[in-house]
């Protein structure tokens, strides 16, 4: 049962992440990657944003796993 709940939470988190990433791309006006693989625009801004996303993902994963352990 815990595995099913964990899988469900993971799928929800991935869906939210993809939606947030799409919104970020649309808002920032970055519609394509450059040929070198770098994101067009200010690299520092994108690095900070990606770092923020990673922190949010790690925190949500930690909180989610802690909540799952408390389930009966």
N, C-alpha and C. Protein backbone atom coordinates (compact mmCIF):
# COMPACT_ATOMS: atom_id res chain seq x y z
N UNK A 1 0.83 -1.20 0.00
CA UNK A 1 0.00 0.00 0.00
C UNK A 1 0.87 1.26 0.00
N UNK A 2 1.95 1.21 0.79
CA UNK A 2 2.85 2.36 0.84
C UNK A 2 3.50 2.60 -0.52
N UNK A 3 3.85 1.50 -1.21
CA UNK A 3 4.49 1.65 -2.52
C UNK A 3 3.54 2.31 -3.51
N UNK A 4 2.26 1.94 -3.44
CA UNK A 4 1.27 2.52 -4.33
C UNK A 4 1.12 4.01 -4.05
N UNK A 5 1.05 4.36 -2.77
CA UNK A 5 0.93 5.77 -2.39
C UNK A 5 2.17 6.55 -2.83
N UNK A 6 3.34 5.94 -2.65
CA UNK A 6 4.59 6.60 -3.04
C UNK A 6 4.63 6.81 -4.56
N UNK A 7 4.20 5.80 -5.31
CA UNK A 7 4.17 5.90 -6.77
C UNK A 7 3.22 7.00 -7.21
N UNK A 8 2.06 7.07 -6.56
CA UNK A 8 1.07 8.09 -6.89
C UNK A 8 1.62 9.49 -6.62
N UNK A 9 2.25 9.67 -5.45
CA UNK A 9 2.84 10.97 -5.12
C UNK A 9 3.95 11.33 -6.10
N UNK A 10 4.74 10.35 -6.50
CA UNK A 10 5.81 10.61 -7.46
C UNK A 10 5.25 11.06 -8.80
N UNK A 11 4.20 10.39 -9.26
CA UNK A 11 3.58 10.76 -10.54
C UNK A 11 3.00 12.17 -10.47
N UNK A 12 2.34 12.50 -9.35
CA UNK A 12 1.78 13.84 -9.18
C UNK A 12 2.90 14.87 -9.18
N UNK A 13 3.99 14.58 -8.46
CA UNK A 13 5.11 15.52 -8.39
C UNK A 13 5.73 15.72 -9.77
N UNK A 14 5.88 14.65 -10.54
CA UNK A 14 6.45 14.76 -11.89
C UNK A 14 5.54 15.59 -12.78
N UNK A 15 4.23 15.38 -12.67
CA UNK A 15 3.28 16.14 -13.48
C UNK A 15 3.36 17.63 -13.16
N UNK A 16 3.40 17.94 -11.85
CA UNK A 16 3.51 19.33 -11.43
C UNK A 16 4.82 19.94 -11.92
N UNK A 17 5.90 19.17 -11.83
CA UNK A 17 7.21 19.66 -12.27
C UNK A 17 7.20 19.97 -13.76
N UNK A 18 6.62 19.07 -14.56
CA UNK A 18 6.56 19.29 -16.01
C UNK A 18 5.73 20.53 -16.32
N UNK A 19 4.59 20.68 -15.64
CA UNK A 19 3.75 21.86 -15.85
C UNK A 19 4.50 23.14 -15.49
N UNK A 20 5.24 23.10 -14.37
CA UNK A 20 6.00 24.27 -13.94
C UNK A 20 7.10 24.60 -14.95
N UNK A 21 7.74 23.55 -15.46
CA UNK A 21 8.82 23.75 -16.44
C UNK A 21 8.26 24.36 -17.73
N UNK A 22 7.10 23.87 -18.18
CA UNK A 22 6.46 24.42 -19.39
C UNK A 22 6.09 25.88 -19.16
N UNK A 23 5.52 26.18 -17.99
CA UNK A 23 5.15 27.56 -17.68
C UNK A 23 6.39 28.45 -17.64
N UNK A 24 7.47 27.95 -17.04
CA UNK A 24 8.72 28.72 -16.96
C UNK A 24 9.25 29.02 -18.36
N UNK A 25 9.24 28.00 -19.22
CA UNK A 25 9.73 28.18 -20.59
C UNK A 25 8.88 29.20 -21.34
N UNK A 26 7.56 29.10 -21.18
CA UNK A 26 6.67 30.03 -21.88
C UNK A 26 6.84 31.45 -21.37
N UNK A 27 6.93 31.62 -20.06
CA UNK A 27 7.04 32.95 -19.48
C UNK A 27 8.37 33.60 -19.85
N UNK A 28 9.44 32.84 -19.80
CA UNK A 28 10.76 33.42 -20.06
C UNK A 28 11.00 33.64 -21.55
N UNK A 29 10.15 33.08 -22.39
CA UNK A 29 10.30 33.27 -23.82
C UNK A 29 11.38 32.41 -24.44
N UNK A 30 11.83 31.41 -23.71
CA UNK A 30 12.85 30.51 -24.26
C UNK A 30 12.12 29.34 -24.90
N UNK A 31 12.08 29.33 -26.22
CA UNK A 31 11.31 28.29 -26.90
C UNK A 31 12.19 27.21 -27.50
N UNK A 32 13.50 27.46 -27.58
CA UNK A 32 14.38 26.46 -28.19
C UNK A 32 15.75 26.50 -27.54
N UNK A 33 16.39 25.35 -27.50
CA UNK A 33 17.76 25.29 -27.00
C UNK A 33 18.71 25.68 -28.12
N UNK A 34 19.81 26.29 -27.76
CA UNK A 34 20.80 26.61 -28.79
C UNK A 34 21.50 25.33 -29.24
N UNK A 35 22.25 25.41 -30.32
CA UNK A 35 22.90 24.22 -30.87
C UNK A 35 23.91 23.62 -29.90
N UNK A 36 24.50 24.46 -29.05
CA UNK A 36 25.49 23.94 -28.11
C UNK A 36 24.85 23.30 -26.89
N UNK A 37 23.52 23.38 -26.79
CA UNK A 37 22.83 22.78 -25.67
C UNK A 37 22.59 23.75 -24.54
N UNK A 38 23.15 24.97 -24.65
CA UNK A 38 22.90 25.96 -23.61
C UNK A 38 21.54 26.60 -23.85
N UNK A 39 20.88 27.04 -22.77
CA UNK A 39 19.59 27.69 -22.92
C UNK A 39 19.83 29.13 -23.36
N UNK A 40 19.10 29.55 -24.40
CA UNK A 40 19.25 30.92 -24.89
C UNK A 40 18.77 31.89 -23.81
N UNK A 41 19.48 32.99 -23.65
CA UNK A 41 19.12 33.96 -22.63
C UNK A 41 20.23 34.11 -21.61
N UNK A 42 19.88 34.60 -20.44
CA UNK A 42 20.86 34.83 -19.38
C UNK A 42 21.15 33.50 -18.68
N UNK A 43 22.36 32.94 -18.83
CA UNK A 43 22.67 31.62 -18.24
C UNK A 43 22.59 31.62 -16.72
N UNK A 44 22.98 32.74 -16.10
CA UNK A 44 22.97 32.81 -14.64
C UNK A 44 21.54 32.72 -14.11
N UNK A 45 20.64 33.43 -14.77
CA UNK A 45 19.23 33.41 -14.35
C UNK A 45 18.67 31.99 -14.44
N UNK A 46 18.98 31.31 -15.53
CA UNK A 46 18.48 29.95 -15.70
C UNK A 46 19.11 28.99 -14.69
N UNK A 47 20.39 29.20 -14.39
CA UNK A 47 21.06 28.35 -13.41
C UNK A 47 20.42 28.52 -12.04
N UNK A 48 20.13 29.77 -11.66
CA UNK A 48 19.49 30.02 -10.37
C UNK A 48 18.11 29.40 -10.33
N UNK A 49 17.35 29.55 -11.42
CA UNK A 49 16.01 28.98 -11.47
C UNK A 49 16.05 27.45 -11.36
N UNK A 50 16.97 26.83 -12.09
CA UNK A 50 17.09 25.37 -12.05
C UNK A 50 17.52 24.90 -10.66
N UNK A 51 18.44 25.65 -10.03
CA UNK A 51 18.87 25.30 -8.67
C UNK A 51 17.68 25.39 -7.72
N UNK A 52 16.86 26.41 -7.88
CA UNK A 52 15.66 26.56 -7.06
C UNK A 52 14.71 25.39 -7.25
N UNK A 53 14.53 24.97 -8.51
CA UNK A 53 13.66 23.83 -8.79
C UNK A 53 14.19 22.56 -8.13
N UNK A 54 15.51 22.36 -8.20
CA UNK A 54 16.12 21.17 -7.59
C UNK A 54 15.89 21.17 -6.09
N UNK A 55 16.08 22.33 -5.45
CA UNK A 55 15.87 22.43 -3.99
C UNK A 55 14.43 22.10 -3.65
N UNK A 56 13.48 22.65 -4.42
CA UNK A 56 12.06 22.38 -4.17
C UNK A 56 11.77 20.89 -4.32
N UNK A 57 12.35 20.27 -5.37
CA UNK A 57 12.13 18.83 -5.59
C UNK A 57 12.68 18.01 -4.43
N UNK A 58 13.89 18.34 -3.99
CA UNK A 58 14.50 17.60 -2.88
C UNK A 58 13.69 17.75 -1.60
N UNK A 59 13.26 18.99 -1.31
CA UNK A 59 12.48 19.24 -0.10
C UNK A 59 11.15 18.50 -0.17
N UNK A 60 10.47 18.56 -1.31
CA UNK A 60 9.17 17.89 -1.43
C UNK A 60 9.34 16.38 -1.32
N UNK A 61 10.44 15.85 -1.87
CA UNK A 61 10.69 14.42 -1.75
C UNK A 61 10.94 14.01 -0.32
N UNK A 62 11.69 14.84 0.42
CA UNK A 62 11.98 14.55 1.82
C UNK A 62 10.70 14.58 2.65
N UNK A 63 9.90 15.62 2.46
CA UNK A 63 8.65 15.74 3.21
C UNK A 63 7.70 14.60 2.84
N UNK A 64 7.64 14.27 1.54
CA UNK A 64 6.76 13.20 1.10
C UNK A 64 7.15 11.86 1.70
N UNK A 65 8.44 11.55 1.74
CA UNK A 65 8.88 10.27 2.29
C UNK A 65 8.63 10.22 3.79
N UNK A 66 8.78 11.37 4.46
CA UNK A 66 8.53 11.41 5.90
C UNK A 66 7.05 11.17 6.18
N UNK A 67 6.18 11.76 5.37
CA UNK A 67 4.74 11.58 5.56
C UNK A 67 4.34 10.13 5.27
N UNK A 68 5.00 9.50 4.30
CA UNK A 68 4.67 8.11 3.98
C UNK A 68 5.04 7.17 5.12
N UNK A 69 6.12 7.48 5.82
CA UNK A 69 6.54 6.62 6.94
C UNK A 69 5.53 6.66 8.08
N UNK A 70 4.78 7.78 8.17
CA UNK A 70 3.81 7.91 9.26
C UNK A 70 2.48 7.24 8.93
N UNK A 71 2.31 6.81 7.67
CA UNK A 71 1.07 6.13 7.30
C UNK A 71 1.00 4.76 7.99
N UNK A 72 -0.20 4.32 8.31
CA UNK A 72 -0.35 3.01 8.96
C UNK A 72 0.01 1.87 8.02
